[in-house]
Amino acid sequence: MHEVDILITEGLIVTMDNSGTIYDHGALVIENDKIVDLGNTEDIKKMYRGKKEISARNCIVMPGLVNGHTHAAMTCFRGIADDMDLMTWLNDYIFPAEARNVSPELAYWGSMLACAEMIKSGTTTFCDMYIFEDETASAAKHAGMRCLVGEVLFDFPSPNFKTPAEGINYTRKLIEKWSGDPLVQIVVEPHSLYTCSPTLLKDAKDLAREYNVPIGVHYLENSAEVQQLMDKYGKKATHFLKDIGYLDEQLIVFHGVCMDEEDMRIFADHGCKVVHNPESNMKLASGIAPVAQMLKLGLDVALGTDGCASNNNLDLFQEMDTAAKLAKVATLDPTVLPAPTVVKMATRNGAQALGMGHLTGVLEAGKKADVILINTRKPHLTPMYNAYSHLVYAVRGADVDTSIINGKLVMENRRLLTINEPEAMERVNQIALKVRESLRKP
């Protein structure tokens, strides 16, 4: 009998593999950072003994969720500017608040709090865009989370750099510093087409191409942006991206609310990825992304929460529920975005969109051990006829009991093992006092 690091037994295992395999009384075997075997508990226990054994009775065992778009440190700005449109929210509140308050300390502790919130709600991998992203990478590394992070690039100064060239150089240093890290990867992230010049966009793409890393950008988030970009470039935004060489498998766009059929077909033809952020788009009244049509046309569509200033939480289970229902009411078709498709968006699709499909998003031998256990012995999860239905329409982040990332336990029985949760909350509360005071100034 082979001794392994972690043996999970007696669970309902939802693998998210190509065949949709589910083990009703399943077991999962983890050695070092990888899944080495899985199957029926009776068969697995004949071959393996765990140094650590976890009973998953009354639990769903599934891949950890992949949050395809966050601004982690914006936990520090949760709720400071609600109930307004996107451009007012950005230009009159968020950008000024960031200019006055964002620092390495805010980036680190805001990101640490975000990691705590994400782990406790089932997310094991996230893609982040913000300021002082080396601090976010350090916080994620400390928390034991898998991540793809990038410094937001603007034409105008940010709290971290004065010129676009400095922003590009900072991103280059991030790529080189974190190269080969088992958890942290870097993405090049110009903020948007309306905050970046063609020169900055091209420099960003050149950097991504040089190091063969993804490039991510906010894209067609509302109808005003569509017209703004048409006026700025004299052509459709997708045509502009094609002309400057952006359309390839490296590109991840966030939102894509106002993409039309031509945009979607061009993106699908070039292997581009889209991250859907339904709750943020609803809150800012940006519109409803045509997700069902994107999927029908062959686009890889992932799921994200966006930041805590426009959501205002990082619960990806809640996001799944919203995504499914919003698509149905938008199309007046209850069959669109069925539960298995939405779970795929939050796991396999998300991993593929971030260039991590070979690492995570599926429970199968050889993949990294990014695993969550959901306690179903609760009134709102009783009875259960279909696991996918439960995951989308009934489960909430607070139902996640245990999380394993890269083969390491980071939460067990709802207790965080890698983060000092009270300290993170207290640090952010102290930062919030300064933010609140800054908002009183003209």
Protein backbone atom coordinates (compact mmCIF):
# COMPACT_ATOMS: atom_id res chain seq x y z
CA MET A 1 0.00 0.00 0.00
CA HIS A 2 1.36 3.41 -1.02
CA GLU A 3 1.48 6.21 1.56
CA VAL A 4 0.49 9.63 0.17
CA ASP A 5 0.26 13.13 1.60
CA ILE A 6 -3.53 13.60 1.54
CA LEU A 7 -6.32 11.08 0.98
CA ILE A 8 -9.88 12.43 0.60
CA THR A 9 -12.58 9.75 0.82
CA GLU A 10 -16.36 9.22 0.75
CA GLY A 11 -17.18 12.38 -1.20
CA LEU A 12 -19.37 13.23 -4.16
CA ILE A 13 -16.55 14.08 -6.57
CA VAL A 14 -17.42 16.41 -9.46
CA THR A 15 -14.33 16.18 -11.65
CA MET A 16 -15.23 18.65 -14.46
CA ASP A 17 -13.29 16.43 -16.87
CA ASN A 18 -14.18 16.10 -20.55
CA SER A 19 -16.54 13.21 -19.84
CA GLY A 20 -18.33 14.92 -16.95
CA THR A 21 -17.28 12.15 -14.58
CA ILE A 22 -18.85 12.16 -11.13
CA TYR A 23 -17.98 9.66 -8.38
CA ASP A 24 -20.88 9.22 -5.95
CA HIS A 25 -18.69 7.67 -3.26
CA GLY A 26 -15.34 8.89 -4.45
CA ALA A 27 -11.80 9.31 -3.25
CA LEU A 28 -9.00 11.65 -4.32
CA VAL A 29 -5.28 11.03 -3.83
CA ILE A 30 -2.78 13.90 -3.42
CA GLU A 31 0.99 13.55 -3.37
CA ASN A 32 3.15 16.68 -3.09
CA ASP A 33 1.39 19.31 -5.24
CA LYS A 34 -0.52 16.98 -7.59
CA ILE A 35 -3.51 14.72 -7.89
CA VAL A 36 -2.13 11.23 -8.50
CA ASP A 37 -5.31 9.16 -8.56
CA LEU A 38 -9.07 9.27 -8.02
CA GLY A 39 -11.94 6.85 -8.20
CA ASN A 40 -14.34 4.94 -5.98
CA THR A 41 -13.43 5.03 -2.28
CA GLU A 42 -13.40 1.23 -1.91
CA ASP A 43 -10.91 0.82 -4.76
CA ILE A 44 -8.68 3.74 -3.79
CA LYS A 45 -8.40 2.67 -0.13
CA LYS A 46 -7.05 -0.70 -1.23
CA MET A 47 -4.07 1.06 -2.82
CA TYR A 48 -3.38 4.19 -0.73
CA ARG A 49 -3.01 5.29 2.86
CA GLY A 50 -2.89 9.00 3.65
CA LYS A 51 -0.58 10.77 6.06
CA LYS A 52 -3.56 13.12 6.26
CA GLU A 53 -6.99 11.56 5.67
CA ILE A 54 -10.08 13.71 5.16
CA SER A 55 -13.58 12.28 5.24
CA ALA A 56 -15.73 14.05 2.64
CA ARG A 57 -18.95 12.34 3.67
CA ASN A 58 -21.88 14.71 2.96
CA CYS A 59 -19.54 16.88 0.88
CA ILE A 60 -19.18 17.81 -2.76
CA VAL A 61 -15.52 17.62 -3.79
CA MET A 62 -14.70 19.73 -6.85
CA PRO A 63 -11.95 21.80 -8.49
CA GLY A 64 -11.25 25.10 -6.79
CA LEU A 65 -12.95 28.03 -8.49
CA VAL A 66 -11.09 30.38 -10.83
CA ASN A 67 -11.93 34.08 -10.46
CA GLY A 68 -11.01 35.47 -13.89
CA HIS A 69 -11.06 39.18 -13.01
CA THR A 70 -10.43 40.95 -9.72
CA HIS A 71 -8.91 44.11 -8.28
CA ALA A 72 -7.98 42.41 -5.01
CA ALA A 73 -6.71 45.39 -3.03
CA MET A 74 -9.98 47.22 -3.66
CA THR A 75 -11.38 45.40 -0.64
CA CYS A 76 -10.14 48.62 1.01
CA PHE A 77 -12.69 50.58 -1.07
CA ARG A 78 -15.65 48.25 -0.56
CA GLY A 79 -18.82 50.35 -0.68
CA ILE A 80 -17.27 53.83 -0.95
CA ALA A 81 -19.08 54.76 -4.17
CA ASP A 82 -22.30 52.92 -4.92
CA ASP A 83 -25.27 53.49 -7.22
CA MET A 84 -23.71 55.47 -10.05
CA ASP A 85 -22.71 54.94 -13.68
CA LEU A 86 -19.31 53.60 -14.73
CA MET A 87 -17.57 56.80 -15.85
CA THR A 88 -18.83 58.87 -12.89
CA TRP A 89 -17.81 56.04 -10.55
CA LEU A 90 -14.34 55.84 -12.07
CA ASN A 91 -13.48 59.48 -12.75
CA ASP A 92 -15.15 61.23 -9.81
CA TYR A 93 -14.66 58.67 -7.05
CA ILE A 94 -12.39 55.68 -7.67
CA PHE A 95 -9.47 57.33 -9.47
CA PRO A 96 -9.32 60.23 -6.94
CA ALA A 97 -9.60 57.84 -3.98
CA GLU A 98 -6.79 55.73 -5.41
CA ALA A 99 -4.57 58.74 -6.08
CA ARG A 100 -4.90 59.82 -2.44
CA ASN A 101 -4.65 56.45 -0.74
CA VAL A 102 -3.11 53.60 -2.70
CA SER A 103 0.28 52.57 -1.30
CA PRO A 104 2.26 49.35 -0.98
CA GLU A 105 0.69 48.85 2.46
CA LEU A 106 -2.85 49.20 1.08
CA ALA A 107 -2.05 46.88 -1.83
CA TYR A 108 -0.62 44.20 0.45
CA TRP A 109 -3.25 44.15 3.18
CA GLY A 110 -6.16 44.77 0.83
CA SER A 111 -4.96 41.79 -1.23
CA MET A 112 -4.44 39.66 1.87
CA LEU A 113 -8.01 40.33 2.96
CA ALA A 114 -9.18 39.48 -0.57
CA CYS A 115 -7.28 36.19 -0.42
CA ALA A 116 -8.98 35.38 2.87
CA GLU A 117 -12.39 36.16 1.38
CA MET A 118 -11.71 34.16 -1.78
CA ILE A 119 -10.34 31.09 0.00
CA LYS A 120 -13.32 31.09 2.37
CA SER A 121 -15.72 31.18 -0.61
CA GLY A 122 -14.06 28.49 -2.72
CA THR A 123 -11.72 30.38 -5.05
CA THR A 124 -8.25 28.89 -5.40
CA THR A 125 -6.99 30.86 -8.44
CA PHE A 126 -7.52 34.50 -9.40
CA CYS A 127 -6.49 36.99 -12.07
CA ASP A 128 -5.76 40.46 -10.71
CA MET A 129 -5.26 43.94 -12.13
CA TYR A 130 -4.27 46.74 -9.79
CA ILE A 131 -1.47 48.99 -8.48
CA PHE A 132 1.70 47.84 -6.65
CA GLU A 133 1.02 44.32 -7.90
CA ASP A 134 4.26 42.99 -6.47
CA GLU A 135 2.53 43.42 -3.11
CA THR A 136 -0.51 41.51 -4.34
CA ALA A 137 1.74 38.73 -5.60
CA SER A 138 3.48 38.60 -2.21
CA ALA A 139 0.16 38.46 -0.36
CA ALA A 140 -1.12 35.67 -2.61
CA LYS A 141 2.13 33.75 -2.17
CA HIS A 142 1.84 34.07 1.61
CA ALA A 143 -1.79 32.94 1.48
CA GLY A 144 -0.89 30.00 -0.75
CA MET A 145 -3.18 31.07 -3.61
CA ARG A 146 -2.57 30.50 -7.30
CA CYS A 147 -2.72 33.78 -9.24
CA LEU A 148 -2.10 35.68 -12.45
CA VAL A 149 -1.38 39.32 -11.55
CA GLY A 150 -0.50 42.44 -13.51
CA GLU A 151 0.18 46.12 -12.89
CA VAL A 152 -2.54 48.31 -14.36
CA LEU A 153 -1.09 50.55 -17.09
CA PHE A 154 -2.39 54.06 -17.89
CA ASP A 155 -1.33 57.02 -20.03
CA PHE A 156 -1.54 59.15 -16.89
CA PRO A 157 0.43 58.74 -13.63
CA SER A 158 -0.63 56.15 -11.07
CA PRO A 159 0.42 55.96 -7.40
CA ASN A 160 3.16 53.56 -8.54
CA PHE A 161 4.59 55.21 -11.66
CA LYS A 162 4.78 58.63 -13.31
CA THR A 163 5.01 57.62 -16.97
CA PRO A 164 3.76 54.74 -19.13
CA ALA A 165 7.38 53.72 -19.71
CA GLU A 166 7.86 53.32 -15.95
CA GLY A 167 4.72 51.15 -15.83
CA ILE A 168 6.05 48.93 -18.61
CA ASN A 169 9.40 48.65 -16.83
CA TYR A 170 7.69 47.73 -13.55
CA THR A 171 5.76 44.98 -15.34
CA ARG A 172 8.99 43.68 -16.88
CA LYS A 173 10.53 43.46 -13.41
CA LEU A 174 7.44 41.58 -12.16
CA ILE A 175 7.75 39.04 -14.97
CA GLU A 176 11.42 38.46 -14.26
CA LYS A 177 11.07 38.36 -10.46
CA TRP A 178 8.23 35.81 -10.39
CA SER A 179 9.41 33.68 -13.32
CA GLY A 180 9.16 29.99 -12.43
CA ASP A 181 7.18 30.51 -9.24
CA PRO A 182 4.80 27.59 -8.57
CA LEU A 183 1.88 29.87 -7.64
CA VAL A 184 2.42 33.37 -9.07
CA GLN A 185 2.33 34.20 -12.77
CA ILE A 186 2.33 37.64 -14.42
CA VAL A 187 0.02 39.18 -17.03
CA VAL A 188 0.55 42.47 -18.90
CA GLU A 189 -2.49 44.70 -18.25
CA PRO A 190 -3.20 47.99 -20.00
CA HIS A 191 -6.30 49.31 -18.28
CA SER A 192 -8.48 49.93 -21.33
CA LEU A 193 -8.48 51.35 -24.84
CA TYR A 194 -9.85 54.66 -23.55
CA THR A 195 -7.13 55.18 -20.90
CA CYS A 196 -4.19 53.97 -22.99
CA SER A 197 -2.65 55.47 -26.14
CA PRO A 198 -1.90 53.33 -29.18
CA THR A 199 1.79 53.63 -28.29
CA LEU A 200 1.24 52.24 -24.77
CA LEU A 201 -1.00 49.47 -26.10
CA LYS A 202 1.65 48.44 -28.62
CA ASP A 203 4.44 48.56 -26.01
CA ALA A 204 2.33 46.38 -23.71
CA LYS A 205 1.72 43.86 -26.47
CA ASP A 206 5.41 43.79 -27.38
CA LEU A 207 6.25 43.02 -23.74
CA ALA A 208 3.67 40.21 -23.56
CA ARG A 209 4.98 38.75 -26.81
CA GLU A 210 8.62 39.00 -25.66
CA TYR A 211 7.98 36.95 -22.51
CA ASN A 212 5.10 34.85 -23.88
CA VAL A 213 2.69 35.91 -21.13
CA PRO A 214 -1.02 36.81 -21.39
CA ILE A 215 -2.28 40.34 -21.90
CA GLY A 216 -5.53 41.52 -20.28
CA VAL A 217 -7.63 44.64 -20.83
CA HIS A 218 -11.05 46.05 -19.89
CA TYR A 219 -13.11 45.97 -23.07
CA LEU A 220 -16.47 47.30 -24.28
CA GLU A 221 -17.90 47.50 -20.80
CA ASN A 222 -20.82 49.77 -21.75
CA SER A 223 -22.38 51.48 -24.76
CA ALA A 224 -20.74 54.83 -24.03
CA GLU A 225 -17.33 53.17 -24.36
CA VAL A 226 -18.29 51.78 -27.77
CA GLN A 227 -19.00 55.27 -29.12
CA GLN A 228 -16.02 56.81 -27.33
CA LEU A 229 -13.64 54.35 -29.01
CA MET A 230 -15.30 54.81 -32.39
CA ASP A 231 -14.73 58.56 -32.06
CA LYS A 232 -11.14 58.06 -30.84
CA TYR A 233 -9.96 55.56 -33.48
CA GLY A 234 -12.41 56.08 -36.35
CA LYS A 235 -13.18 52.37 -36.45
CA LYS A 236 -14.72 49.63 -34.34
CA ALA A 237 -12.65 48.70 -31.31
CA THR A 238 -12.25 45.09 -32.47
CA HIS A 239 -10.96 46.24 -35.85
CA PHE A 240 -8.51 48.53 -34.08
CA LEU A 241 -7.25 45.64 -31.92
CA LYS A 242 -6.80 43.51 -35.02
CA ASP A 243 -4.85 46.26 -36.75
CA ILE A 244 -2.38 46.61 -33.85
CA GLY A 245 -1.84 42.85 -33.56
CA TYR A 246 -3.72 42.17 -30.32
CA LEU A 247 -6.01 39.38 -31.49
CA ASP A 248 -4.46 36.05 -30.53
CA GLU A 249 -4.59 33.40 -27.80
CA GLN A 250 -2.71 35.67 -25.39
CA LEU A 251 -5.58 38.19 -25.18
CA ILE A 252 -8.01 38.15 -22.25
CA VAL A 253 -10.71 40.84 -22.26
CA PHE A 254 -12.71 41.71 -19.17
CA HIS A 255 -16.46 42.38 -19.53
CA GLY A 256 -17.17 42.43 -23.29
CA VAL A 257 -20.70 43.61 -22.52
CA CYS A 258 -21.24 45.37 -25.85
CA MET A 259 -19.57 42.93 -28.21
CA ASP A 260 -21.70 42.32 -31.30
CA GLU A 261 -21.79 39.16 -33.41
CA GLU A 262 -18.94 40.30 -35.64
CA ASP A 263 -16.77 41.05 -32.60
CA MET A 264 -17.50 37.64 -31.14
CA ARG A 265 -16.77 35.77 -34.38
CA ILE A 266 -13.47 37.59 -34.82
CA PHE A 267 -12.48 36.87 -31.21
CA ALA A 268 -13.42 33.20 -31.55
CA ASP A 269 -11.46 32.88 -34.81
CA HIS A 270 -8.35 34.25 -33.10
CA GLY A 271 -8.62 32.26 -29.84
CA CYS A 272 -9.18 35.32 -27.62
CA LYS A 273 -10.72 34.90 -24.16
CA VAL A 274 -13.54 36.80 -22.39
CA VAL A 275 -14.18 37.11 -18.64
CA HIS A 276 -17.84 37.74 -17.75
CA ASN A 277 -18.52 39.88 -14.63
CA PRO A 278 -22.32 39.86 -14.30
CA GLU A 279 -22.81 41.40 -10.84
CA SER A 280 -20.44 44.32 -11.44
CA ASN A 281 -22.08 44.95 -14.81
CA MET A 282 -25.50 44.91 -13.18
CA LYS A 283 -24.48 47.23 -10.35
CA LEU A 284 -22.99 49.80 -12.72
CA ALA A 285 -25.90 49.31 -15.17
CA SER A 286 -23.37 48.61 -17.90
CA GLY A 287 -25.57 46.05 -19.61
CA ILE A 288 -25.72 42.29 -20.07
CA ALA A 289 -22.93 40.53 -21.94
CA PRO A 290 -24.20 38.14 -24.67
CA VAL A 291 -22.61 35.15 -22.97
CA ALA A 292 -24.87 32.47 -24.45
CA GLN A 293 -24.03 33.67 -27.96
CA MET A 294 -20.32 33.88 -27.12
CA LEU A 295 -20.31 30.25 -26.04
CA LYS A 296 -22.33 29.18 -29.06
CA LEU A 297 -19.75 30.80 -31.33
CA GLY A 298 -16.93 28.95 -29.60
CA LEU A 299 -15.46 31.63 -27.35
CA ASP A 300 -13.80 30.59 -24.11
CA VAL A 301 -15.82 32.53 -21.51
CA ALA A 302 -14.66 32.59 -17.89
CA LEU A 303 -16.29 34.15 -14.83
CA GLY A 304 -15.08 36.97 -12.58
CA THR A 305 -16.31 39.08 -9.70
CA ASP A 306 -14.50 42.33 -10.55
CA GLY A 307 -13.42 44.38 -7.53
CA CYS A 308 -15.11 44.96 -4.20
CA ALA A 309 -15.90 48.58 -5.08
CA SER A 310 -18.26 47.47 -7.85
CA ASN A 311 -19.64 44.12 -6.71
CA ASN A 312 -19.20 44.29 -3.52
CA ASN A 313 -17.93 40.78 -2.67
CA LEU A 314 -15.68 38.07 -4.11
CA ASP A 315 -18.10 35.12 -3.79
CA LEU A 316 -17.85 33.27 -7.11
CA PHE A 317 -20.69 30.90 -6.18
CA GLN A 318 -22.97 33.91 -5.97
CA GLU A 319 -21.58 35.05 -9.32
CA MET A 320 -22.47 31.68 -10.88
CA ASP A 321 -26.07 31.96 -9.71
CA THR A 322 -26.32 35.51 -11.09
CA ALA A 323 -24.70 34.61 -14.42
CA ALA A 324 -27.14 31.77 -15.04
CA LYS A 325 -30.26 33.73 -14.15
CA LEU A 326 -29.21 36.94 -15.87
CA ALA A 327 -28.64 35.13 -19.17
CA LYS A 328 -32.07 33.54 -18.97
CA VAL A 329 -33.92 36.78 -18.32
CA ALA A 330 -31.88 38.61 -20.99
CA THR A 331 -32.83 36.07 -23.66
CA LEU A 332 -36.23 35.08 -22.21
CA ASP A 333 -35.01 31.52 -22.63
CA PRO A 334 -34.75 29.35 -19.48
CA THR A 335 -32.55 26.81 -21.26
CA VAL A 336 -29.54 29.07 -21.88
CA LEU A 337 -26.48 28.79 -19.61
CA PRO A 338 -27.52 25.53 -17.93
CA ALA A 339 -25.90 24.76 -14.59
CA PRO A 340 -23.11 22.46 -15.91
CA THR A 341 -22.03 25.17 -18.37
CA VAL A 342 -21.83 27.80 -15.64
CA VAL A 343 -19.79 25.53 -13.35
CA LYS A 344 -17.45 24.94 -16.30
CA MET A 345 -17.07 28.73 -16.72
CA ALA A 346 -15.95 29.01 -13.09
CA THR A 347 -13.49 26.09 -13.29
CA ARG A 348 -12.20 24.65 -16.60
CA ASN A 349 -12.96 27.68 -18.75
CA GLY A 350 -11.41 30.01 -16.20
CA ALA A 351 -8.20 28.01 -16.03
CA GLN A 352 -8.00 27.84 -19.83
CA ALA A 353 -8.63 31.59 -20.16
CA LEU A 354 -5.73 32.36 -17.83
CA GLY A 355 -3.39 29.97 -19.65
CA MET A 356 -3.52 27.50 -16.76
CA GLY A 357 -5.64 24.75 -18.27
CA HIS A 358 -2.70 22.36 -18.04
CA LEU A 359 -2.43 23.03 -14.30
CA THR A 360 -5.85 23.39 -12.75
CA GLY A 361 -9.62 23.64 -13.27
CA VAL A 362 -10.21 19.86 -13.44
CA LEU A 363 -9.80 17.00 -10.98
CA GLU A 364 -7.73 14.41 -12.81
CA ALA A 365 -4.40 12.65 -12.32
CA GLY A 366 -1.47 14.89 -13.18
CA LYS A 367 -3.23 18.21 -12.46
CA LYS A 368 -2.24 20.40 -9.55
CA ALA A 369 -4.19 19.62 -6.39
CA ASP A 370 -6.51 22.66 -6.23
CA VAL A 371 -9.54 21.17 -4.48
CA ILE A 372 -12.47 22.40 -2.40
CA LEU A 373 -14.94 20.54 -0.20
CA ILE A 374 -18.50 21.86 0.17
CA ASN A 375 -20.53 20.79 3.19
CA THR A 376 -24.00 19.82 1.95
CA ARG A 377 -25.43 18.82 5.32
CA LYS A 378 -27.40 22.06 5.63
CA PRO A 379 -31.11 22.90 5.31
CA HIS A 380 -30.70 24.95 2.14
CA LEU A 381 -28.75 22.11 0.50
CA THR A 382 -31.21 19.35 1.38
CA PRO A 383 -32.23 17.28 -0.57
CA MET A 384 -29.84 17.09 -3.52
CA TYR A 385 -30.90 15.57 -6.84
CA ASN A 386 -28.28 17.14 -9.09
CA ALA A 387 -24.83 18.35 -8.04
CA TYR A 388 -24.47 20.95 -10.81
CA SER A 389 -27.84 22.46 -9.96
CA HIS A 390 -26.85 22.74 -6.32
CA LEU A 391 -23.50 24.34 -7.15
CA VAL A 392 -25.10 27.09 -9.23
CA TYR A 393 -28.47 27.72 -7.60
CA ALA A 394 -28.11 26.72 -3.95
CA VAL A 395 -24.49 26.67 -2.73
CA ARG A 396 -22.92 29.83 -1.38
CA GLY A 397 -19.32 30.60 -0.56
CA ALA A 398 -19.92 30.11 3.15
CA ASP A 399 -20.70 26.44 2.47
CA VAL A 400 -17.07 25.74 1.53
CA ASP A 401 -15.54 23.74 4.37
CA THR A 402 -12.01 22.90 3.24
CA SER A 403 -9.64 24.25 0.55
CA ILE A 404 -6.45 22.74 -0.81
CA ILE A 405 -4.21 24.69 -3.20
CA ASN A 406 -1.15 23.20 -4.89
CA GLY A 407 -1.45 20.21 -2.57
CA LYS A 408 -1.42 22.30 0.61
CA LEU A 409 -4.29 22.71 3.04
CA VAL A 410 -5.08 26.43 3.27
CA MET A 411 -8.44 26.09 5.04
CA GLU A 412 -9.86 23.22 7.10
CA ASN A 413 -13.24 23.17 8.79
CA ARG A 414 -13.70 26.88 7.86
CA ARG A 415 -10.44 27.83 9.63
CA LEU A 416 -7.82 29.63 7.54
CA LEU A 417 -4.39 28.04 7.96
CA THR A 418 -2.17 30.43 5.98
CA ILE A 419 -3.68 33.84 6.82
CA ASN A 420 -4.09 35.62 10.14
CA GLU A 421 -7.70 36.58 9.45
CA PRO A 422 -8.21 38.97 12.41
CA GLU A 423 -4.97 40.80 11.59
CA ALA A 424 -5.93 41.24 7.93
CA MET A 425 -9.33 42.66 8.89
CA GLU A 426 -7.82 45.01 11.47
CA ARG A 427 -5.16 46.27 9.05
CA VAL A 428 -7.78 47.05 6.41
CA ASN A 429 -10.01 48.75 8.99
CA GLN A 430 -7.09 51.02 9.90
CA ILE A 431 -6.49 51.80 6.22
CA ALA A 432 -10.21 52.54 5.83
CA LEU A 433 -9.97 55.24 8.50
CA LYS A 434 -7.44 57.07 6.30
CA VAL A 435 -9.58 56.52 3.19
CA ARG A 436 -12.65 57.90 4.95
CA GLU A 437 -10.72 60.99 6.06
CA SER A 438 -9.37 61.56 2.53
CA LEU A 439 -12.91 61.51 1.11
CA ARG A 440 -13.84 64.48 3.30
CA LYS A 441 -11.23 66.65 1.59
CA PRO A 442 -12.16 68.66 -1.53
